[in-house]
Every structure is written in structure tokens, then in C-alpha cells.
Amino acid sequence: MTPSHHHYAIEDTTQAPQAHWLPKLLNGDYKLPGLEGKKGLLFSNTVLENYIEEEEKHDNFKLTSGLNRSIRTLSSGEQKKALLSHLLQHNPDFIVLNNPYETLDKASVAELKQQLIALSKNIPIVFIFNRQDDLLPIITHILTFQKAKLKAVTPIKDYSFNNMEFVFNKDIPPAITTYTNIPEVLVELNNVNVTYEERPILKDINWTIKKKEFWHLIGPNGSGKTTLLAMIYGNNPKGYGQDLYLFGKKKGGGESVWDIKQKIGYISPAMLELFKRSHTVEHMIISGFFDSVGLYQTPSTLQIQTAAQWMEVLNLTKEKNTSFLKLAPATQRLILIARAMIKHPPLLILDEPLINVDDEGRALISALINKIAKESDTSILFVAHRDEANIHPDFTYELHPSPQGSTGVQK
């Protein structure tokens, strides 16, 4: 059956920033079948955040009118469903979806995909994507832009996707920081239960992470992954009073949060918010020795040499004096991982390191993570909403939500 609409996709790249072409696209300024002279609406995380802000500041409950609920209280999947429904009430001529699966777990992605496929029968869709496997099967053409100029309209069957694997040729620099008295078992949780305001979050969690192990923590949105991480990393008081051991010592047994954090390398997308000032690539990596946001101490010659070796591993020697803020998201993640790993901590926590990066970035970051697992003695705890084909953990710990709190299954 011939599709009744043209449906377009646009690869989200740094070569053609959205600011140049997106306003013109929404305004129908390009000569595209079904879109020319039409008005579109944008579905994106930024638009959603704007509605959330509007609701909090002005009690304007546009997305949840009739639900008697705040948008903040909904799950990520429910929030996106509410946004899509609200936009469609305005009867746009077409809809632009900007990486709509960001922050969603597998079940929510599958549900939204089916909803969008059904929607495509009634309205043209423009899908901005950074991962090829996100694309909807109804897409007919790929659009390519050069700044604000429409460069090409390519039938999807003729479009060349970047399917690549990366290899880092240089070995990871050896550790120059020494840790003493690190036991075989780094993290041990015995029948851990967590409740927030009488709402059960985690139930009877039993989990052990040992030296040199590579773990993947998975579970749907709201299953307690963040709570579990915060208990391990030291930010969550719910860890105190539990049968929870970190590096051989019971949580709350006298070790400070900073004692724990010195033994853990940690990155998350939220960390990017910390680095607002213009730090160079070199300073960012060296700052990992001091666990500081920026470099305010004079590093030793050996520390400078080690950072230089990490830049060689990442193929970033030429970018040594470049501002971290000017680099592509995937390159920023590589630098944050190197910063977290420069001390070779016993445990490295990678919280959603692949979120919001394109296929090339995913291949690049995955290659570095696998390399660290292979060439170092550091245990890795990798967290992701999706199954990541390029990541090769030894074990998986999966959270299964229930009304009594999420239980954990080790695979």
C-alpha cells in the first residue's frame, strides 16, 4: 500500500545545527511535498521542559488539564504522551519530532513508536534522529541541510548511514594513584529496602559487585536505578542503617561521603551542568586527580604526563587547549570518562553515558568503555535505558517494578 504522506527524517549532526533550519522548516519555507507553505509544531524535550516550567511558575496545567495531576508527577513516557496529545489538539499541518525517545525505557519507546506509526496515517511526520535504529518504518525520505539551505532530499533506501566501529590504538595509561586495603568485594547490598513518603521504591535488593567486574544496571523508568546509584555513590541518606557495605565498610560506619567518592569515578549527563566555565581539555582531565570542577591546584609533572597520555588515547592531543564547552557531546563524554578514570578508581559508575549522542558517538564511547573494562582493574557499573549492542558487560542486574517496590534479578 502506497503511503498517503511523505514522512521525512533528519540526521541530528553538529554539521547542520537545528537553529539554522528548524524555524524555517516549522514555517513551511522549504519546497517539500506535504510541508510547503504549511505550519508545523515541535515535539521535543525542550518544549516539554518549557511546559513543566510554565506549570511550576504560573500554575498553568496545559498538559494535564482534566487529570488533576502535575506534569512532574507523571513518568517520562506519560509526559511525552501528554505533550503529543496537547500538540495534536492544535491541529498542526505536520509534526516535527526531535529525538522523541530520549530518557524513555524500552517499553515506553515501543508504545510511543506504535502511537507515532498510527499518527502517520493522518499527518506528515518529520523525525529528527541521532540513532538509526530509532527511525520509524514509515519514513520515506532523509533531509540534509547545510546551515539554513536544504541540501538534499534522499529516498531512505538510497541514504548512506554511518555504521562504524571505533578502535582506540593506544593503551590506557597505568595508574599513578595507589589505593590500599581495597577488598575483593567492592559493593554489597543485603536485603536492602527503600521507601519514600510511604511509597516502596526498592524491595529486598541483594547485589554484590567484586573487583574487575563489568555490570550493566537496567530497569524501566521509575524502577529505582537512580536511588540505587545514589546509595552506592554516597549522596542518599537512605543507605544509612541498611545492610550495605562499600569497600568492606558498612555505610554510615564512620567513612565520610568524600572517603567513598575518592574510590569511585562517576559520570552522568547532569554533570555537564557543572562545567559552565571555559576549562581546557587538558585541565578537565587533570582535574580528575583532585575531584574538582576545574583545575585550581598545581599538578605534578607525572599528573600532567598522565593526562597527556589519556589525550593520546582519545586522539585529542591537538585539542589540548580547546575549550571543553566547544566540543561535540560525544567528545565531552570521552573527556569526562577519562577524567573519572585518571586515578584508576576501584569502581567506575557510568550513568547514562550514551544518552543524547548519535550513532558515531555511541560507537566511540562504547569502544572506550570496553577498552577500560579490558585493560584496567577498575570495576564498571554501566547504566542505560536501552540495550546497547556495542557494550559487552560480564553481568546484568535488572530491576523489576512492583507495588511493593522493585526487586532485582542478576543475570
Protein backbone atom coordinates (compact mmCIF):
# COMPACT_ATOMS: atom_id res chain seq x y z
CA MET A 1 0.00 0.00 0.00
CA THR A 2 1.46 3.39 -1.03
CA PRO A 3 1.94 5.80 1.92
CA SER A 4 -0.55 8.68 1.83
CA HIS A 5 2.07 11.16 3.09
CA HIS A 6 5.73 11.86 2.66
CA HIS A 7 7.44 11.34 6.01
CA TYR A 8 10.86 12.85 6.45
CA ALA A 9 13.83 12.23 8.75
CA ILE A 10 16.80 14.47 9.51
CA GLU A 11 20.06 13.21 10.99
CA ASP A 12 20.92 15.34 14.02
CA THR A 13 24.52 16.39 13.41
CA THR A 14 26.81 19.18 14.54
CA GLN A 15 27.44 19.97 10.84
CA ALA A 16 23.93 21.40 10.44
CA PRO A 17 22.73 22.93 13.74
CA GLN A 18 18.97 22.95 14.18
CA ALA A 19 18.90 26.68 14.92
CA HIS A 20 19.59 27.34 11.20
CA TRP A 21 16.86 25.26 9.58
CA LEU A 22 14.29 24.24 12.20
CA PRO A 23 12.36 27.58 12.37
CA LYS A 24 12.14 27.67 8.56
CA LEU A 25 11.02 24.03 8.45
CA LEU A 26 8.24 24.63 11.01
CA ASN A 27 7.15 27.64 8.94
CA GLY A 28 6.84 25.61 5.72
CA ASP A 29 9.57 27.61 3.95
CA TYR A 30 11.12 24.61 2.15
CA LYS A 31 9.74 23.13 -1.08
CA LEU A 32 8.85 19.73 0.30
CA PRO A 33 5.74 17.74 -0.68
CA GLY A 34 3.21 18.00 2.13
CA LEU A 35 5.13 20.65 4.07
CA GLU A 36 5.50 23.62 1.71
CA GLY A 37 3.56 26.64 2.98
CA LYS A 38 2.27 24.58 5.95
CA LYS A 39 2.71 25.17 9.69
CA GLY A 40 4.25 22.51 11.91
CA LEU A 41 4.61 22.05 15.67
CA LEU A 42 7.68 20.78 17.51
CA PHE A 43 7.72 17.80 19.89
CA SER A 44 10.96 17.86 21.91
CA ASN A 45 12.39 17.60 25.42
CA THR A 46 12.97 21.37 25.40
CA VAL A 47 9.31 22.05 24.60
CA LEU A 48 8.30 19.64 27.38
CA GLU A 49 10.63 21.38 29.88
CA ASN A 50 9.06 24.73 28.94
CA TYR A 51 5.58 23.40 29.76
CA ILE A 52 6.87 22.00 33.08
CA GLU A 53 8.40 25.38 33.93
CA GLU A 54 5.20 27.19 32.95
CA GLU A 55 3.20 24.88 35.19
CA GLU A 56 5.51 25.41 38.17
CA LYS A 57 5.76 29.19 37.83
CA HIS A 58 2.21 30.08 36.81
CA ASP A 59 0.08 27.04 37.78
CA ASN A 60 -0.71 26.64 34.10
CA PHE A 61 -1.71 22.97 33.76
CA LYS A 62 -1.99 22.85 29.96
CA LEU A 63 -0.67 19.31 29.52
CA THR A 64 -2.60 17.74 32.38
CA SER A 65 -5.93 19.57 32.35
CA GLY A 66 -8.58 17.07 33.39
CA LEU A 67 -6.05 14.78 35.12
CA ASN A 68 -5.80 16.73 38.40
CA ARG A 69 -2.09 15.99 38.37
CA SER A 70 1.10 17.94 37.91
CA ILE A 71 3.15 17.04 34.82
CA ARG A 72 6.14 16.48 37.15
CA THR A 73 4.32 13.57 38.82
CA LEU A 74 3.97 11.67 35.54
CA SER A 75 6.55 9.20 34.24
CA SER A 76 8.70 10.22 31.26
CA GLY A 77 6.51 8.14 28.94
CA GLU A 78 3.30 9.70 30.30
CA GLN A 79 4.78 13.20 30.00
CA LYS A 80 5.61 12.66 26.33
CA LYS A 81 2.18 11.17 25.66
CA ALA A 82 0.55 14.22 27.27
CA LEU A 83 2.72 16.60 25.20
CA LEU A 84 1.89 14.82 21.93
CA SER A 85 -1.82 14.83 22.72
CA HIS A 86 -1.70 18.57 23.56
CA LEU A 87 0.14 19.45 20.34
CA LEU A 88 -2.29 17.46 18.21
CA GLN A 89 -5.23 19.37 19.72
CA HIS A 90 -3.89 22.42 17.85
CA ASN A 91 -4.34 20.57 14.53
CA PRO A 92 -0.88 21.23 13.05
CA ASP A 93 -0.34 20.54 9.33
CA PHE A 94 2.63 18.37 10.30
CA ILE A 95 4.64 17.50 13.39
CA VAL A 96 8.42 17.59 13.94
CA LEU A 97 9.68 15.01 16.44
CA ASN A 98 13.09 15.88 17.89
CA ASN A 99 14.70 12.68 19.23
CA PRO A 100 11.40 11.67 20.88
CA TYR A 101 12.77 8.59 22.66
CA GLU A 102 15.31 10.42 24.82
CA THR A 103 15.02 9.37 28.50
CA LEU A 104 12.47 6.61 27.72
CA ASP A 105 12.85 2.95 28.69
CA LYS A 106 12.27 0.09 26.23
CA ALA A 107 8.56 -0.40 26.96
CA SER A 108 7.80 3.33 26.64
CA VAL A 109 9.76 3.54 23.37
CA ALA A 110 7.78 0.62 21.91
CA GLU A 111 4.48 2.22 22.97
CA LEU A 112 5.37 5.66 21.57
CA LYS A 113 6.58 4.10 18.30
CA GLN A 114 3.21 2.42 17.75
CA GLN A 115 1.41 5.67 18.54
CA LEU A 116 3.55 7.58 16.02
CA ILE A 117 3.06 4.95 13.30
CA ALA A 118 -0.71 5.23 13.79
CA LEU A 119 -0.45 9.04 13.72
CA SER A 120 1.49 8.94 10.42
CA LYS A 121 -1.67 7.81 8.60
CA ASN A 122 -3.26 11.20 9.31
CA ILE A 123 -0.43 13.72 9.32
CA PRO A 124 3.07 14.12 7.82
CA ILE A 125 5.90 13.44 10.27
CA VAL A 126 9.42 14.88 10.34
CA PHE A 127 11.68 12.81 12.59
CA ILE A 128 14.97 14.32 13.84
CA PHE A 129 17.13 11.36 14.89
CA ASN A 130 20.62 10.64 16.15
CA ARG A 131 20.35 6.85 16.07
CA GLN A 132 19.43 4.86 13.00
CA ASP A 133 17.51 2.22 14.98
CA ASP A 134 15.18 4.95 16.28
CA LEU A 135 13.76 5.59 12.82
CA LEU A 136 10.12 4.77 12.18
CA PRO A 137 9.39 2.28 9.35
CA ILE A 138 7.07 4.85 7.70
CA ILE A 139 9.92 7.31 6.89
CA THR A 140 10.16 7.88 3.12
CA HIS A 141 12.97 10.45 2.72
CA ILE A 142 16.03 11.80 4.55
CA LEU A 143 16.62 15.57 4.50
CA THR A 144 20.13 17.03 4.60
CA PHE A 145 20.85 20.68 5.41
CA GLN A 146 23.84 22.95 5.02
CA LYS A 147 23.22 25.73 7.54
CA ALA A 148 19.73 27.00 6.54
CA LYS A 149 19.88 25.64 2.97
CA LEU A 150 18.10 22.40 2.07
CA LYS A 151 20.94 20.46 0.50
CA ALA A 152 19.34 17.12 -0.43
CA VAL A 153 16.14 15.08 -0.26
CA THR A 154 17.16 11.44 -0.45
CA PRO A 155 14.80 8.43 -0.57
CA ILE A 156 15.56 6.45 2.58
CA LYS A 157 16.53 3.35 0.55
CA ASP A 158 19.36 5.37 -1.06
CA TYR A 159 20.67 7.08 2.10
CA SER A 160 24.08 6.06 3.48
CA PHE A 161 24.06 5.68 7.25
CA ASN A 162 27.27 5.75 9.26
CA ASN A 163 27.63 2.21 10.61
CA MET A 164 31.01 2.24 12.25
CA GLU A 165 33.03 0.70 15.00
CA PHE A 166 35.89 2.54 16.63
CA VAL A 167 39.19 1.27 17.87
CA PHE A 168 41.49 3.21 20.19
CA ASN A 169 45.02 2.14 19.32
CA LYS A 170 46.98 3.42 22.34
CA ASP A 171 46.94 1.55 25.65
CA ILE A 172 45.32 3.12 28.70
CA PRO A 173 47.96 4.88 30.86
CA PRO A 174 48.89 2.94 34.01
CA ALA A 175 47.66 4.02 37.44
CA ILE A 176 49.80 6.54 39.32
CA THR A 177 47.37 6.75 42.26
CA THR A 178 47.62 3.99 44.86
CA TYR A 179 44.64 2.63 46.79
CA THR A 180 45.28 0.50 49.86
CA ASN A 181 43.10 -2.03 51.64
CA ILE A 182 40.60 -2.45 48.81
CA PRO A 183 38.76 -5.75 49.43
CA GLU A 184 37.65 -8.26 46.82
CA VAL A 185 34.00 -7.23 47.30
CA LEU A 186 33.54 -3.53 46.49
CA VAL A 187 29.78 -3.21 46.95
CA GLU A 188 27.46 -5.50 48.89
CA LEU A 189 23.73 -4.98 49.41
CA ASN A 190 21.85 -7.44 51.60
CA ASN A 191 18.02 -7.32 51.64
CA VAL A 192 18.02 -3.56 51.10
CA ASN A 193 14.60 -1.87 51.22
CA VAL A 194 13.87 1.78 50.39
CA THR A 195 10.63 3.71 50.86
CA TYR A 196 9.93 7.37 50.06
CA GLU A 197 6.94 9.01 51.77
CA GLU A 198 5.38 5.58 52.32
CA ARG A 199 5.89 4.65 48.66
CA PRO A 200 8.03 1.49 48.29
CA ILE A 201 10.94 2.00 45.83
CA LEU A 202 13.26 -0.99 46.36
CA LYS A 203 12.47 -4.34 47.94
CA ASP A 204 14.92 -6.97 49.22
CA ILE A 205 17.80 -5.96 46.95
CA ASN A 206 20.71 -8.39 47.11
CA TRP A 207 23.66 -7.49 44.92
CA THR A 208 27.42 -7.90 45.09
CA ILE A 209 30.00 -6.14 42.88
CA LYS A 210 33.55 -7.52 43.01
CA LYS A 211 36.90 -6.37 41.68
CA LYS A 212 37.33 -6.21 37.89
CA GLU A 213 33.65 -6.92 37.16
CA PHE A 214 31.67 -5.14 34.43
CA TRP A 215 27.99 -4.70 35.33
CA HIS A 216 25.02 -3.33 33.39
CA LEU A 217 22.20 -1.99 35.60
CA ILE A 218 18.88 -1.86 33.76
CA GLY A 219 15.23 -1.30 34.59
CA PRO A 220 12.32 0.82 33.38
CA ASN A 221 11.91 4.48 34.28
CA GLY A 222 10.97 4.88 37.94
CA SER A 223 12.25 1.44 38.93
CA GLY A 224 14.81 2.82 41.38
CA LYS A 225 18.06 2.85 39.37
CA THR A 226 18.86 6.42 40.45
CA THR A 227 18.07 5.62 44.10
CA LEU A 228 20.35 2.58 43.99
CA LEU A 229 23.20 4.58 42.45
CA ALA A 230 22.84 7.38 44.97
CA MET A 231 23.04 4.88 47.84
CA ILE A 232 26.29 3.50 46.45
CA TYR A 233 27.79 6.83 45.46
CA GLY A 234 27.12 8.37 48.83
CA ASN A 235 24.50 11.06 48.20
CA ASN A 236 21.47 9.23 49.52
CA PRO A 237 20.81 9.05 53.29
CA LYS A 238 18.52 6.06 52.66
CA GLY A 239 21.73 4.00 52.54
CA TYR A 240 22.39 4.55 56.25
CA GLY A 241 21.02 1.92 58.59
CA GLN A 242 20.84 -0.60 55.73
CA ASP A 243 22.90 -3.75 55.35
CA LEU A 244 25.04 -2.00 52.73
CA TYR A 245 28.83 -2.33 52.55
CA LEU A 246 31.13 -0.18 50.43
CA PHE A 247 34.77 -1.23 50.08
CA GLY A 248 34.42 -3.54 53.08
CA LYS A 249 32.89 -0.98 55.46
CA LYS A 250 29.26 -0.64 56.46
CA LYS A 251 27.62 2.53 55.11
CA GLY A 252 27.45 5.03 57.96
CA GLY A 253 30.23 3.32 59.87
CA GLY A 254 32.41 6.42 60.09
CA GLU A 255 33.57 6.86 56.48
CA SER A 256 32.67 10.26 55.07
CA VAL A 257 30.95 10.74 51.72
CA TRP A 258 34.25 12.10 50.40
CA ASP A 259 36.15 8.98 51.54
CA ILE A 260 33.73 6.92 49.45
CA LYS A 261 33.83 9.26 46.45
CA GLN A 262 37.63 9.12 46.29
CA LYS A 263 37.33 5.42 45.45
CA ILE A 264 34.62 5.92 42.80
CA GLY A 265 34.83 7.51 39.36
CA TYR A 266 31.45 8.86 38.31
CA ILE A 267 29.86 10.45 35.26
CA SER A 268 26.28 11.36 34.36
CA PRO A 269 24.68 13.72 31.81
CA ALA A 270 23.76 16.04 34.70
CA MET A 271 27.49 16.58 35.37
CA LEU A 272 27.70 18.69 32.22
CA GLU A 273 25.73 21.36 34.07
CA LEU A 274 28.66 21.73 36.49
CA PHE A 275 31.14 22.74 33.80
CA LYS A 276 29.89 26.16 32.76
CA ARG A 277 33.27 27.89 32.70
CA SER A 278 35.73 27.56 29.86
CA HIS A 279 38.08 24.79 31.02
CA THR A 280 40.54 23.33 28.51
CA VAL A 281 40.55 19.64 27.61
CA GLU A 282 43.87 19.22 29.45
CA HIS A 283 42.61 20.91 32.61
CA MET A 284 39.38 18.89 32.56
CA ILE A 285 41.28 15.58 32.51
CA ILE A 286 43.87 16.65 35.12
CA SER A 287 41.07 17.85 37.44
CA GLY A 288 40.10 14.19 37.89
CA PHE A 289 43.09 13.82 40.22
CA PHE A 290 41.58 16.45 42.53
CA ASP A 291 37.83 15.70 42.07
CA SER A 292 37.35 19.40 41.37
CA VAL A 293 35.17 21.29 38.88
CA GLY A 294 38.08 22.97 37.13
CA LEU A 295 41.77 22.93 37.97
CA TYR A 296 42.77 25.08 40.96
CA GLN A 297 45.83 23.20 42.21
CA THR A 298 49.22 22.88 40.58
CA PRO A 299 49.51 19.35 39.18
CA SER A 300 52.71 17.34 39.39
CA THR A 301 54.80 16.59 36.31
CA LEU A 302 53.64 12.96 36.47
CA GLN A 303 49.98 14.03 36.59
CA ILE A 304 50.48 16.28 33.55
CA GLN A 305 52.21 13.42 31.69
CA THR A 306 49.38 11.01 32.54
CA ALA A 307 46.77 13.46 31.27
CA ALA A 308 48.80 13.84 28.04
CA GLN A 309 48.77 10.04 27.63
CA TRP A 310 44.97 9.97 28.09
CA MET A 311 44.63 12.66 25.41
CA GLU A 312 46.70 10.46 23.10
CA VAL A 313 44.39 7.50 23.81
CA LEU A 314 41.37 9.66 22.94
CA ASN A 315 43.06 11.15 19.85
CA LEU A 316 42.62 14.61 21.39
CA THR A 317 46.23 15.77 21.70
CA LYS A 318 45.61 18.59 19.20
CA GLU A 319 42.59 19.74 21.23
CA LYS A 320 44.67 20.02 24.42
CA ASN A 321 43.99 23.77 24.78
CA THR A 322 40.49 23.75 23.27
CA SER A 323 37.58 24.74 25.50
CA PHE A 324 35.66 21.69 26.71
CA LEU A 325 32.38 23.55 26.09
CA LYS A 326 33.12 23.90 22.36
CA LEU A 327 33.40 20.17 21.75
CA ALA A 328 30.73 17.78 20.44
CA PRO A 329 28.65 15.93 23.11
CA ALA A 330 30.31 12.57 22.42
CA THR A 331 33.80 14.09 22.77
CA GLN A 332 32.76 15.73 26.04
CA ARG A 333 31.68 12.31 27.35
CA LEU A 334 35.04 10.77 26.40
CA ILE A 335 36.80 13.51 28.35
CA LEU A 336 34.53 13.04 31.39
CA ILE A 337 35.22 9.29 31.33
CA ALA A 338 38.98 9.92 31.14
CA ARG A 339 38.64 12.44 33.99
CA ALA A 340 36.78 9.84 36.09
CA MET A 341 39.31 7.11 35.21
CA ILE A 342 42.59 9.00 35.52
CA LYS A 343 43.07 7.77 39.12
CA HIS A 344 42.08 4.21 38.17
CA PRO A 345 39.42 4.12 40.93
CA PRO A 346 38.30 0.70 42.18
CA LEU A 347 34.78 1.45 40.86
CA LEU A 348 33.63 3.48 37.83
CA ILE A 349 29.92 4.41 37.65
CA LEU A 350 28.72 5.41 34.17
CA ASP A 351 25.17 6.72 34.49
CA GLU A 352 23.57 7.00 31.02
CA PRO A 353 26.84 7.88 29.23
CA LEU A 354 25.26 7.24 25.80
CA ILE A 355 22.13 9.36 26.16
CA ASN A 356 21.64 12.12 23.53
CA VAL A 357 24.58 11.08 21.34
CA ASP A 358 24.45 9.95 17.71
CA ASP A 359 25.46 6.55 16.32
CA GLU A 360 29.05 7.67 15.75
CA GLY A 361 29.26 8.98 19.32
CA ARG A 362 27.76 5.79 20.68
CA ALA A 363 30.37 3.68 18.86
CA LEU A 364 33.17 5.94 20.12
CA ILE A 365 32.09 5.95 23.79
CA SER A 366 31.27 2.23 23.78
CA ALA A 367 34.75 1.44 22.44
CA LEU A 368 36.35 3.42 25.28
CA ILE A 369 34.18 1.73 27.95
CA ASN A 370 35.02 -1.74 26.61
CA LYS A 371 38.70 -0.79 26.50
CA ILE A 372 38.67 0.32 30.14
CA ALA A 373 36.97 -2.96 31.11
CA LYS A 374 39.63 -4.94 29.26
CA GLU A 375 42.79 -3.02 30.18
CA SER A 376 42.22 -1.88 33.76
CA ASP A 377 41.44 -3.42 37.16
CA THR A 378 38.54 -0.98 37.65
CA SER A 379 35.05 -2.46 38.10
CA ILE A 380 32.43 -0.79 35.90
CA LEU A 381 28.79 -0.15 36.72
CA PHE A 382 27.13 0.93 33.46
CA VAL A 383 23.55 2.25 33.49
CA ALA A 384 21.37 2.67 30.40
CA HIS A 385 17.69 2.76 29.47
CA ARG A 386 18.34 0.78 26.30
CA ASP A 387 20.10 -2.41 25.37
CA GLU A 388 23.37 -1.19 23.89
CA ALA A 389 24.64 -3.56 21.21
CA ASN A 390 28.24 -2.30 21.42
CA ILE A 391 28.59 -2.68 25.20
CA HIS A 392 29.79 -6.05 26.48
CA PRO A 393 29.23 -6.37 30.25
CA ASP A 394 30.00 -9.52 32.23
CA PHE A 395 26.78 -9.37 34.23
CA THR A 396 23.40 -7.62 34.24
CA TYR A 397 21.37 -6.55 37.27
CA GLU A 398 17.77 -5.87 36.29
CA LEU A 399 15.17 -4.07 38.42
CA HIS A 400 11.55 -5.25 38.13
CA PRO A 401 8.96 -2.78 39.49
CA SER A 402 6.09 -3.97 41.65
CA PRO A 403 3.61 -2.22 44.02
CA GLN A 404 5.80 -3.42 46.92
CA GLY A 405 8.94 -1.87 45.36
CA SER A 406 11.34 -3.03 42.68
CA THR A 407 13.03 -6.38 43.08
CA GLY A 408 16.38 -7.20 41.46
CA VAL A 409 17.41 -10.12 39.26
CA GLN A 410 21.02 -10.92 38.46
CA LYS A 411 21.85 -12.33 35.01
